[in-house]
Structure formats: structure tokens, C-alpha cells
Amino acid sequence: MQHSIKMPAVSCVAMKLKAARIAAGLSTHAAAALVAKRFPGLRLSHASIANYEKSAGAPGVDIIGALAMIYDRQVTWFFEPGIPLVGIRYRFLSSKTRIKERQQFEHQAQHWLEAYIRLENRLADPLVPKWKKRLDISESVSAQQAAKMVRAKCQLKDSEPIHSVIEVLEAFGIRTMEMPTELAIDGFAARLGDESVVILNPSSANDRCRLNAGHELGHVLFGDCDSGQPTTKEMDNRAFEFASYLLIPPSQLREAFKGRSAVKLVQAKEKYGISMAAMIFRAEKQGVIDAQTTKKLWIQFSRRGWRANEPGKVRADRAIRFERLLDQALAEKKLTWNDASEVTGIKQADLKRRRDLAMGITEEEEEEGEASVLRIQR
């Protein structure tokens, strides 16, 4: 079955105008106000900006130039072919991350996501959703209720952990990929055409990666990526709460804090795949522990160095379906490395590096392995 990114009704320029505005954290009113301040001779209302984003009118080059400046984009970007990522909702984005760095990260993520879809098309093996995305979740549904609905979809009791948040994302038809980066970025959810996508940074600790994945699932299910508004604190808090409730239900959180045993808390971390810090944060908010107990726990965390390195091990939850498809196609001789490069538009070296990372092989280990082969040959 051929699977592709469907072109929306609006033009690519219109989509990029909207994507750039949202990425800049501006409403149409705020964007119009900035244009009026920086370009006094240019008349541009917030309604005009909204119309341009709907393809209800074509902006002149002077208008695109002005908007490009306040959105901190190159003018040429608006005219490049391809559908942009829109409605991007970051899990964590440090204020120290420069706009250009963030844009480069998003560009690379889009490049790999498009490669993923092209590989699926070539292999006739699309990601088929098991469940519909929305679950009829409305604004009146709380994060806790939504998490309970998803766990019910997974047919899990409160006492049963979610073994793979990534598998839940994929069951909803959400294409998920890893993008290692040294930037202070945990990941994001977005839309690419009519597709919901999630990007995760696997450089984070395993428990944090699982929480990040759940957080982005929350953004998708609540329709946050479909909103034309910048990310709000309420939107982000709701996604975080959803992820926390999804990983460990209230009844099990209460059980984890019974007896005030650190050993028991570590056991809960290892079973449910959620950090002790996240459980403490939720426990205070849920009323499981009081403010005084919370303060004592944080003091203990600091004294033992647990803020940087908690005890307890959590299994890695990997988003490596693309790499599995690639590796299987190569093993079954459906593709050669050269074919794979042509299909995906990715260099062979980059494809090989990504496959190795999916197996847990670092570049240093790969170089050492190649050096060993050379020594044997000599």
C-alpha cells in the first residue's frame, strides 16, 4: 500500500508562514505589532497574516521579507519545496538553545522523517495505526482521564507497567524517530502534512526518554499540534501530567510511597519506568506526601547526588522502526546500500551510522572494530 504525505489545501508558502510564526512563539496580533514597529511604512494587519496562512491572498515579497525578519528565517526558506513541520511542541527547549540551532535540528528531523516515509513506500510496509488518534478527547477531559483511557486501550491494569511507550505511539499511527543531539532538546511532537510525528533525543536517561515520549503522545492526543497557537504553560503542564499518569497510575504512586522506603521507590522506578524525581513531584501535587516530606526527600536527593544520577535501572525504550525496516531490507536483499541511499535521499555513511546506533554501537566502537580487522589482515 502506497503511503505518502498528503498535500493540504493551503500552499506550502502559507504553511511555512504559519509554521514560522508559531515556532517564533507569536500570535498573529503580536506578529502584526512587530511588523508595524520595525517596518512603519508597511501596512499589515493580524487578519491579513491569518489570511496569508490560509492561502486567502498572496503576500508580496516585501511582506514575506518583513515576516522572515521577525520570525528569524531566511526569505529563501519560504520558497523551498516540501511541506514543513507544523505545530511543533517541544518537551524541553532550553533558553540557551539558539534559534538557528533549533531550526537546524528541525530541518534535520524533517529530512529523516521524509526518508522514513520514502523507505516505507519502497518496501510497501507503512506504519498502520492500531487505534485512532483522538480517543474523543476534548478540553473537558483531564490529563488523568486521558491517561486512563490510553491504558484501557492497552488493556492494562493499574498494577501493570507500560513496557514500551514507543509501541503505544506507533499503535496510534504516530511515526517516531530518534535524533541524537548535544543541544538541550528532549524532543518534540509535530505534524508533517497529515501525519503526526514525534522526535526524541535518546541522549537523555532512559526514564526521562519514556516520560518525554509520553509527554509528546499527550500533545498529539489532545490536538495541541493542530492548534495555530504558540505553546502555553497549561498545554505543556497537561502533557507532562498525562505522561506521568500514563506511566504510573495514582493507586500505584500511593503504594510506592507507603512506608517512606527509598528501596521501595527504586523498585517502583524500575517496574514502571519513571524517575524517582518525577514520582516525588507528582506525589506532592497529588497529596500523597506533604510539603515537609517533599523537602526532606529533595535534601536527601541532593546529599546523595541523586539529582544528577538516580539509583535504579530502567530499560531503554527505543524508537528504531526505521532502522529495523532498513536492516531487514538489506538482510533479505530487497535493497542494497546504494538502493537505500537513493530511496531515502540519505548518504550511505549516515544510514550505516544510524543503523549502528540502533544496535548500541558507538562510532568509537565501530572505529576500533575496523582497526582490529586491519590488524588481523596484516
Protein backbone atom coordinates (compact mmCIF):
# COMPACT_ATOMS: atom_id res chain seq x y z
CA MET A 1 0.00 0.00 0.00
CA GLN A 2 1.49 3.33 -1.05
CA HIS A 3 1.76 5.77 1.81
CA SER A 4 2.68 9.41 1.32
CA ILE A 5 2.46 12.82 2.89
CA LYS A 6 -0.76 14.37 1.65
CA MET A 7 -0.65 17.96 0.48
CA PRO A 8 -3.03 20.16 2.49
CA ALA A 9 -5.40 22.59 0.83
CA VAL A 10 -3.18 25.57 1.66
CA SER A 11 0.03 26.29 -0.26
CA CYS A 12 3.50 25.43 1.04
CA VAL A 13 4.31 29.14 1.41
CA ALA A 14 1.17 29.62 3.52
CA MET A 15 2.05 26.60 5.67
CA LYS A 16 5.58 27.89 6.19
CA LEU A 17 4.32 31.32 7.16
CA LYS A 18 2.20 29.73 9.88
CA ALA A 19 4.90 27.29 10.97
CA ALA A 20 7.48 30.08 11.28
CA ARG A 21 5.13 32.27 13.30
CA ILE A 22 4.27 29.50 15.75
CA ALA A 23 7.93 28.50 16.06
CA ALA A 24 8.72 32.12 16.93
CA GLY A 25 6.10 31.97 19.69
CA LEU A 26 3.98 34.77 18.23
CA SER A 27 0.25 35.19 17.76
CA THR A 28 -0.99 36.89 14.59
CA HIS A 29 -1.64 40.03 16.68
CA ALA A 30 1.90 40.01 18.09
CA ALA A 31 3.41 39.42 14.64
CA ALA A 32 1.46 42.33 13.16
CA ALA A 33 2.54 44.58 16.04
CA LEU A 34 6.21 43.71 15.48
CA VAL A 35 5.92 44.40 11.75
CA ALA A 36 4.33 47.79 12.48
CA LYS A 37 7.15 48.62 14.91
CA ARG A 38 10.05 47.56 12.70
CA PHE A 39 8.55 48.49 9.33
CA PRO A 40 6.42 51.62 9.90
CA GLY A 41 5.73 52.07 6.19
CA LEU A 42 4.34 48.58 5.73
CA ARG A 43 0.64 48.12 6.45
CA LEU A 44 -0.05 44.58 7.65
CA SER A 45 -2.91 43.61 9.95
CA HIS A 46 -3.22 40.46 12.02
CA ALA A 47 -6.20 39.48 9.84
CA SER A 48 -4.03 39.73 6.73
CA ILE A 49 -1.41 37.49 8.30
CA ALA A 50 -4.11 34.93 9.16
CA ASN A 51 -5.43 35.08 5.58
CA TYR A 52 -1.97 34.58 4.10
CA GLU A 53 -1.57 31.50 6.29
CA LYS A 54 -4.81 30.12 4.82
CA SER A 55 -3.81 30.92 1.22
CA ALA A 56 -6.59 33.52 1.15
CA GLY A 57 -4.39 36.01 -0.65
CA ALA A 58 -0.79 36.08 -1.83
CA PRO A 59 1.72 38.17 0.17
CA GLY A 60 4.24 40.26 -1.74
CA VAL A 61 7.97 39.72 -1.42
CA ASP A 62 8.20 42.81 0.83
CA ILE A 63 5.71 41.30 3.26
CA ILE A 64 7.44 37.91 3.27
CA GLY A 65 10.73 39.71 3.80
CA ALA A 66 9.36 41.57 6.81
CA LEU A 67 7.82 38.44 8.30
CA ALA A 68 11.04 36.50 7.66
CA MET A 69 12.94 39.08 9.69
CA ILE A 70 10.66 38.98 12.73
CA TYR A 71 10.45 35.18 12.54
CA ASP A 72 14.25 34.99 12.17
CA ARG A 73 14.13 32.98 8.94
CA GLN A 74 15.83 33.24 5.59
CA VAL A 75 13.48 34.54 2.89
CA THR A 76 14.50 31.67 0.61
CA TRP A 77 13.21 29.13 3.17
CA PHE A 78 9.61 30.15 2.46
CA PHE A 79 10.01 29.27 -1.23
CA GLU A 80 11.88 25.96 -0.86
CA PRO A 81 9.86 22.87 -1.93
CA GLY A 82 8.48 20.49 0.67
CA ILE A 83 5.89 20.52 3.42
CA PRO A 84 7.22 21.95 6.69
CA LEU A 85 6.82 20.57 10.15
CA VAL A 86 3.99 22.49 11.78
CA GLY A 87 2.54 22.76 15.27
CA ILE A 88 5.86 21.81 16.88
CA ARG A 89 5.55 21.19 20.62
CA TYR A 90 8.85 20.74 22.42
CA ARG A 91 9.14 18.61 25.56
CA PHE A 92 12.07 20.66 26.78
CA LEU A 93 13.78 23.51 24.99
CA SER A 94 16.40 25.41 26.95
CA SER A 95 16.50 29.17 26.57
CA LYS A 96 20.21 28.66 25.87
CA THR A 97 19.34 26.86 22.61
CA ARG A 98 19.74 29.44 19.87
CA ILE A 99 17.02 29.87 17.26
CA LYS A 100 19.35 28.87 14.43
CA GLU A 101 20.33 25.68 16.28
CA ARG A 102 16.70 24.80 16.86
CA GLN A 103 15.83 25.44 13.20
CA GLN A 104 18.74 23.25 12.07
CA PHE A 105 17.55 20.46 14.40
CA GLU A 106 14.02 20.71 12.98
CA HIS A 107 15.37 20.69 9.41
CA GLN A 108 17.41 17.54 10.07
CA ALA A 109 14.45 15.88 11.77
CA GLN A 110 12.22 16.61 8.78
CA HIS A 111 14.88 15.22 6.43
CA TRP A 112 14.95 11.90 8.33
CA LEU A 113 11.16 11.71 8.68
CA GLU A 114 10.75 12.13 4.92
CA ALA A 115 13.39 9.44 4.41
CA TYR A 116 11.41 7.16 6.74
CA ILE A 117 8.24 7.59 4.68
CA ARG A 118 10.09 7.05 1.39
CA LEU A 119 11.57 3.82 2.74
CA GLU A 120 8.11 2.62 3.80
CA ASN A 121 6.77 3.39 0.33
CA ARG A 122 9.57 1.47 -1.38
CA LEU A 123 9.08 -1.55 0.87
CA ALA A 124 5.26 -1.27 0.80
CA ASP A 125 5.34 -1.52 4.59
CA PRO A 126 3.58 1.57 6.05
CA LEU A 127 3.00 2.26 9.71
CA VAL A 128 -0.58 1.09 10.16
CA PRO A 129 -2.42 2.61 13.16
CA LYS A 130 -3.99 0.15 15.55
CA TRP A 131 -6.11 2.86 17.19
CA LYS A 132 -7.45 6.22 16.06
CA LYS A 133 -5.50 9.22 17.34
CA ARG A 134 -8.07 11.28 19.15
CA LEU A 135 -9.95 8.93 21.53
CA ASP A 136 -12.64 11.64 21.53
CA ILE A 137 -10.50 13.65 23.96
CA SER A 138 -11.88 17.14 24.49
CA GLU A 139 -10.81 20.14 26.54
CA SER A 140 -13.01 18.89 29.39
CA VAL A 141 -11.04 15.63 29.66
CA SER A 142 -8.28 15.84 32.26
CA ALA A 143 -4.74 14.53 31.81
CA GLN A 144 -5.51 11.76 34.31
CA GLN A 145 -8.68 10.71 32.48
CA ALA A 146 -6.88 10.68 29.12
CA ALA A 147 -4.08 8.55 30.54
CA LYS A 148 -6.65 6.13 31.96
CA MET A 149 -8.28 5.88 28.50
CA VAL A 150 -4.96 5.05 26.86
CA ARG A 151 -4.09 2.44 29.48
CA ALA A 152 -7.53 0.89 28.88
CA LYS A 153 -6.69 0.74 25.16
CA CYS A 154 -3.54 -1.15 26.13
CA GLN A 155 -5.68 -3.48 28.29
CA LEU A 156 -3.51 -2.78 31.32
CA LYS A 157 -4.45 -2.95 34.99
CA ASP A 158 -3.17 -0.21 37.28
CA SER A 159 -0.57 -2.61 38.65
CA GLU A 160 0.80 -3.37 35.16
CA PRO A 161 3.53 -1.21 33.60
CA ILE A 162 3.67 0.07 30.05
CA HIS A 163 6.62 -1.86 28.67
CA SER A 164 7.09 0.40 25.64
CA VAL A 165 5.74 3.93 25.28
CA ILE A 166 7.12 3.92 21.74
CA GLU A 167 4.88 0.99 20.83
CA VAL A 168 1.90 2.95 22.16
CA LEU A 169 2.86 5.93 19.99
CA GLU A 170 3.12 3.68 16.94
CA ALA A 171 -0.19 1.98 17.77
CA PHE A 172 -1.76 5.43 17.38
CA GLY A 173 -0.03 5.75 13.99
CA ILE A 174 2.45 8.33 15.26
CA ARG A 175 5.71 7.99 13.35
CA THR A 176 8.51 8.26 15.91
CA MET A 177 12.25 8.64 15.36
CA GLU A 178 15.35 9.27 17.43
CA MET A 179 17.54 12.31 16.79
CA PRO A 180 20.68 12.33 18.98
CA THR A 181 21.85 15.85 19.73
CA GLU A 182 24.02 17.65 22.26
CA LEU A 183 21.54 20.52 22.27
CA ALA A 184 19.30 20.92 25.34
CA ILE A 185 16.35 19.38 23.50
CA ASP A 186 14.43 16.34 24.77
CA GLY A 187 12.20 16.04 21.70
CA PHE A 188 9.08 17.37 20.06
CA ALA A 189 5.72 16.42 18.58
CA ALA A 190 4.52 17.97 15.32
CA ARG A 191 2.60 17.42 12.12
CA LEU A 192 4.14 16.71 8.73
CA GLY A 193 1.36 17.12 6.20
CA ASP A 194 -1.46 14.96 7.56
CA GLU A 195 0.93 12.84 9.63
CA SER A 196 1.56 13.07 13.39
CA VAL A 197 5.26 12.69 14.15
CA VAL A 198 7.44 12.61 17.25
CA ILE A 199 11.18 13.17 17.53
CA LEU A 200 13.07 12.04 20.65
CA ASN A 201 16.61 12.66 21.82
CA PRO A 202 17.97 9.27 23.01
CA SER A 203 20.88 11.00 24.76
CA SER A 204 18.65 11.52 27.80
CA ALA A 205 18.42 8.93 30.58
CA ASN A 206 16.07 6.01 29.82
CA ASP A 207 13.44 7.05 32.38
CA ARG A 208 13.46 10.61 31.03
CA CYS A 209 13.12 9.32 27.44
CA ARG A 210 9.99 7.38 28.41
CA LEU A 211 8.49 10.44 30.09
CA ASN A 212 9.40 12.53 27.04
CA ALA A 213 7.67 10.03 24.74
CA GLY A 214 4.55 10.07 26.90
CA HIS A 215 4.62 13.86 27.02
CA GLU A 216 4.66 14.12 23.22
CA LEU A 217 1.90 11.50 22.95
CA GLY A 218 -0.17 13.77 25.16
CA HIS A 219 0.39 16.72 22.83
CA VAL A 220 -0.78 14.65 19.85
CA LEU A 221 -3.85 13.15 21.54
CA PHE A 222 -5.02 16.50 22.87
CA GLY A 223 -4.66 18.01 19.39
CA ASP A 224 -2.05 20.55 20.52
CA CYS A 225 -0.10 20.17 17.27
CA ASP A 226 -3.23 21.09 15.29
CA SER A 227 -3.60 24.37 17.16
CA GLY A 228 -2.42 27.53 15.48
CA GLN A 229 -1.43 28.99 18.83
CA PRO A 230 2.03 29.05 20.46
CA THR A 231 2.67 26.52 23.22
CA THR A 232 1.14 27.63 26.52
CA LYS A 233 2.19 26.68 30.04
CA GLU A 234 -1.19 24.99 30.54
CA MET A 235 -0.73 22.95 27.36
CA ASP A 236 2.74 21.81 28.44
CA ASN A 237 1.69 21.01 32.03
CA ARG A 238 -1.22 18.93 30.75
CA ALA A 239 1.08 16.89 28.51
CA PHE A 240 3.51 16.33 31.41
CA GLU A 241 0.73 15.23 33.76
CA PHE A 242 -0.67 12.91 31.10
CA ALA A 243 2.74 11.24 30.69
CA SER A 244 3.18 10.83 34.42
CA TYR A 245 -0.30 9.34 34.93
CA LEU A 246 0.22 7.09 31.92
CA LEU A 247 3.42 5.59 33.31
CA ILE A 248 2.26 5.14 36.90
CA PRO A 249 -1.43 5.37 37.93
CA PRO A 250 -2.39 7.16 41.18
CA SER A 251 -3.03 3.93 43.11
CA GLN A 252 0.48 2.65 42.35
CA LEU A 253 2.06 6.00 43.14
CA ARG A 254 0.46 5.90 46.59
CA GLU A 255 1.71 2.35 47.04
CA ALA A 256 5.26 3.40 46.11
CA PHE A 257 5.36 5.95 48.94
CA LYS A 258 3.92 3.70 51.64
CA GLY A 259 6.42 3.28 54.45
CA ARG A 260 8.63 6.07 53.08
CA SER A 261 11.14 3.47 51.84
CA ALA A 262 13.75 4.59 49.31
CA VAL A 263 14.20 0.94 48.31
CA LYS A 264 10.50 0.67 47.51
CA LEU A 265 10.69 3.88 45.48
CA VAL A 266 13.57 2.47 43.42
CA GLN A 267 11.55 -0.71 42.83
CA ALA A 268 8.64 1.38 41.54
CA LYS A 269 11.01 3.27 39.27
CA GLU A 270 12.37 0.06 37.77
CA LYS A 271 8.92 -1.50 37.37
CA TYR A 272 7.07 1.46 35.84
CA GLY A 273 10.00 3.11 34.06
CA ILE A 274 9.60 6.56 35.58
CA SER A 275 12.18 8.55 37.54
CA MET A 276 12.04 8.92 41.31
CA ALA A 277 12.16 12.69 40.85
CA ALA A 278 9.04 12.63 38.65
CA MET A 279 7.26 10.45 41.22
CA ILE A 280 8.14 12.83 44.07
CA PHE A 281 6.97 15.83 42.05
CA ARG A 282 3.65 14.10 41.27
CA ALA A 283 3.22 12.71 44.78
CA GLU A 284 3.32 16.16 46.35
CA LYS A 285 0.91 17.56 43.78
CA GLN A 286 -1.44 14.59 44.23
CA GLY A 287 -1.34 14.94 48.03
CA VAL A 288 0.35 11.58 48.62
CA ILE A 289 3.13 13.35 50.56
CA ASP A 290 3.14 16.75 52.23
CA ALA A 291 5.45 19.69 51.60
CA GLN A 292 7.67 18.87 54.58
CA THR A 293 8.23 15.28 53.43
CA THR A 294 8.92 16.52 49.90
CA LYS A 295 11.55 18.94 51.21
CA LYS A 296 13.27 16.16 53.17
CA LEU A 297 13.32 13.93 50.08
CA TRP A 298 14.88 16.67 47.93
CA ILE A 299 17.54 17.30 50.60
CA GLN A 300 18.30 13.58 50.59
CA PHE A 301 18.49 13.62 46.80
CA SER A 302 20.99 16.48 46.83
CA ARG A 303 23.13 14.98 49.62
CA ARG A 304 23.40 11.62 47.82
CA GLY A 305 23.96 13.11 44.38
CA TRP A 306 20.71 11.62 43.07
CA ARG A 307 19.62 14.76 41.24
CA ALA A 308 22.29 14.01 38.65
CA ASN A 309 22.34 10.22 38.91
CA GLU A 310 19.41 8.39 40.50
CA PRO A 311 19.70 4.78 41.66
CA GLY A 312 17.71 2.13 39.82
CA LYS A 313 17.86 0.95 36.22
CA VAL A 314 15.23 1.50 33.53
CA ARG A 315 15.31 -0.45 30.28
CA ALA A 316 15.80 1.62 27.12
CA ASP A 317 12.61 2.29 25.13
CA ARG A 318 13.88 2.71 21.57
CA ALA A 319 12.22 4.33 18.55
CA ILE A 320 14.01 2.30 15.88
CA ARG A 321 11.34 1.07 13.46
CA PHE A 322 13.04 2.89 10.57
CA GLU A 323 16.32 1.13 11.33
CA ARG A 324 14.58 -2.26 11.60
CA LEU A 325 12.95 -1.77 8.19
CA LEU A 326 16.27 -0.76 6.68
CA ASP A 327 18.24 -3.61 8.24
CA GLN A 328 15.65 -6.23 7.28
CA ALA A 329 15.51 -4.98 3.69
CA LEU A 330 19.30 -5.23 3.45
CA ALA A 331 19.38 -8.70 5.05
CA GLU A 332 16.68 -10.01 2.70
CA LYS A 333 18.45 -8.37 -0.27
CA LYS A 334 15.42 -6.25 -1.11
CA LEU A 335 17.78 -3.27 -1.11
CA THR A 336 21.49 -2.66 -1.44
CA TRP A 337 23.16 0.17 0.46
CA ASN A 338 23.21 2.13 -2.77
CA ASP A 339 19.46 1.50 -3.27
CA ALA A 340 18.74 2.57 0.30
CA SER A 341 20.66 5.80 -0.19
CA GLU A 342 18.82 6.61 -3.42
CA VAL A 343 15.40 5.80 -1.94
CA THR A 344 15.85 7.77 1.28
CA GLY A 345 17.99 10.62 -0.02
CA ILE A 346 20.44 9.94 2.84
CA LYS A 347 24.16 9.26 2.41
CA GLN A 348 25.21 5.65 2.91
CA ALA A 349 27.59 6.63 5.72
CA ASP A 350 24.77 8.33 7.62
CA LEU A 351 22.44 5.36 7.13
CA LYS A 352 25.11 2.96 8.39
CA ARG A 353 25.83 5.20 11.38
CA ARG A 354 22.13 5.31 12.30
CA ARG A 355 21.81 1.52 12.00
CA ASP A 356 24.83 1.06 14.26
CA LEU A 357 23.43 3.48 16.85
CA ALA A 358 20.17 1.48 16.85
CA MET A 359 22.25 -1.56 17.82
CA GLY A 360 24.04 0.40 20.52
CA ILE A 361 27.31 0.55 18.60
CA THR A 362 29.08 3.88 19.05
CA GLU A 363 31.33 5.48 16.44
CA GLU A 364 34.34 4.80 18.69
CA GLU A 365 33.48 1.09 18.88
CA GLU A 366 32.97 0.95 15.12
CA GLU A 367 36.38 2.55 14.51
CA GLU A 368 38.01 0.14 16.96
CA GLY A 369 36.35 -2.81 15.20
CA GLU A 370 37.64 -1.66 11.81
CA ALA A 371 41.13 -1.20 13.25
CA SER A 372 41.03 -4.77 14.65
CA VAL A 373 40.12 -6.16 11.22
CA LEU A 374 43.05 -4.35 9.67
CA ARG A 375 45.45 -5.74 12.29
CA ILE A 376 44.18 -9.28 11.62
CA GLN A 377 44.57 -8.85 7.87
CA ARG A 378 48.15 -7.74 8.32
